[in-house]
């Protein structure tokens, strides 16, 4: 194995990658926003059309 001098170590720049876990978390957040919007829209439609189940 080759030893690297301290000056060379300071010049190393790490890369960034999008892993599967990060991408999956992002998709889950977007999906949650869509589900919330769908439920809110459905609730508003049922309220305005007076199609709400009566409470016992």
C-alpha atoms as a PDB file:
ATOM      1  CA  UNK A   1       0.000   0.000   0.000  1.00  0.00           C
ATOM      2  CA  UNK A   2       1.296   3.451  -0.900  1.00  0.00           C
ATOM      3  CA  UNK A   3       1.563   6.123   1.804  1.00  0.00           C
ATOM      4  CA  UNK A   4       0.061   9.508   0.988  1.00  0.00           C
ATOM      5  CA  UNK A   5       1.621  12.702   2.268  1.00  0.00           C
ATOM      6  CA  UNK A   6      -0.409  15.124   4.402  1.00  0.00           C
ATOM      7  CA  UNK A   7      -0.365  17.747   1.644  1.00  0.00           C
ATOM      8  CA  UNK A   8      -1.953  15.261  -0.766  1.00  0.00           C
ATOM      9  CA  UNK A   9      -4.534  14.236   1.835  1.00  0.00           C
ATOM     10  CA  UNK A  10      -5.739  17.842   2.104  1.00  0.00           C
ATOM     11  CA  UNK A  11      -6.362  17.942  -1.655  1.00  0.00           C
ATOM     12  CA  UNK A  12      -8.696  14.928  -1.705  1.00  0.00           C
ATOM     13  CA  UNK A  13     -12.272  15.910  -2.478  1.00  0.00           C
ATOM     14  CA  UNK A  14     -15.027  13.408  -1.692  1.00  0.00           C
ATOM     15  CA  UNK A  15     -17.923  12.865  -4.016  1.00  0.00           C
ATOM     16  CA  UNK A  16     -21.596  12.813  -3.220  1.00  0.00           C
ATOM     17  CA  UNK A  17     -23.888  10.093  -4.419  1.00  0.00           C
ATOM     18  CA  UNK A  18     -27.593   9.557  -4.150  1.00  0.00           C
ATOM     19  CA  UNK A  19     -28.073   6.197  -2.536  1.00  0.00           C
ATOM     20  CA  UNK A  20     -31.134   4.032  -2.808  1.00  0.00           C
ATOM     21  CA  UNK A  21     -32.145   4.811   0.767  1.00  0.00           C
ATOM     22  CA  UNK A  22     -32.058   8.568   0.190  1.00  0.00           C
ATOM     23  CA  UNK A  23     -34.022   8.241  -3.030  1.00  0.00           C
ATOM     24  CA  UNK A  24     -36.579   5.963  -1.368  1.00  0.00           C
ATOM     25  CA  UNK A  25     -37.039   8.432   1.514  1.00  0.00           C
ATOM     26  CA  UNK A  26     -37.571  11.288  -0.956  1.00  0.00           C
ATOM     27  CA  UNK A  27     -40.170   9.285  -2.882  1.00  0.00           C
ATOM     28  CA  UNK A  28     -41.964   8.419   0.371  1.00  0.00           C
ATOM     29  CA  UNK A  29     -42.191  12.104   1.339  1.00  0.00           C
ATOM     30  CA  UNK A  30     -43.615  13.035  -2.064  1.00  0.00           C
ATOM     31  CA  UNK A  31     -46.084  10.129  -1.837  1.00  0.00           C
ATOM     32  CA  UNK A  32     -47.198  11.300   1.619  1.00  0.00           C
ATOM     33  CA  UNK A  33     -47.949  14.797   0.251  1.00  0.00           C
ATOM     34  CA  UNK A  34     -50.013  13.316  -2.596  1.00  0.00           C
ATOM     35  CA  UNK A  35     -51.941  11.062  -0.209  1.00  0.00           C
ATOM     36  CA  UNK A  36     -52.660  13.989   2.109  1.00  0.00           C
ATOM     37  CA  UNK A  37     -53.908  16.086  -0.804  1.00  0.00           C
ATOM     38  CA  UNK A  38     -56.108  13.270  -2.052  1.00  0.00           C
ATOM     39  CA  UNK A  39     -57.670  12.764   1.385  1.00  0.00           C
ATOM     40  CA  UNK A  40     -58.189  16.493   1.892  1.00  0.00           C
ATOM     41  CA  UNK A  41     -59.834  16.846  -1.512  1.00  0.00           C
ATOM     42  CA  UNK A  42     -62.076  13.857  -0.877  1.00  0.00           C
ATOM     43  CA  UNK A  43     -63.105  15.254   2.518  1.00  0.00           C
ATOM     44  CA  UNK A  44     -63.911  18.674   1.076  1.00  0.00           C
ATOM     45  CA  UNK A  45     -65.947  17.113  -1.730  1.00  0.00           C
ATOM     46  CA  UNK A  46     -67.946  14.961   0.709  1.00  0.00           C
ATOM     47  CA  UNK A  47     -68.604  17.968   2.967  1.00  0.00           C
ATOM     48  CA  UNK A  48     -69.777  20.206   0.128  1.00  0.00           C
ATOM     49  CA  UNK A  49     -72.010  17.486  -1.331  1.00  0.00           C
ATOM     50  CA  UNK A  50     -73.447  16.609   2.112  1.00  0.00           C
ATOM     51  CA  UNK A  51     -72.488  12.965   1.781  1.00  0.00           C
ATOM     52  CA  UNK A  52     -71.153  12.527   5.288  1.00  0.00           C
ATOM     53  CA  UNK A  53     -72.031   9.503   7.397  1.00  0.00           C
ATOM     54  CA  UNK A  54     -73.970  10.540  10.526  1.00  0.00           C
ATOM     55  CA  UNK A  55     -72.264  10.107  13.884  1.00  0.00           C
ATOM     56  CA  UNK A  56     -74.052   7.715  16.296  1.00  0.00           C
END
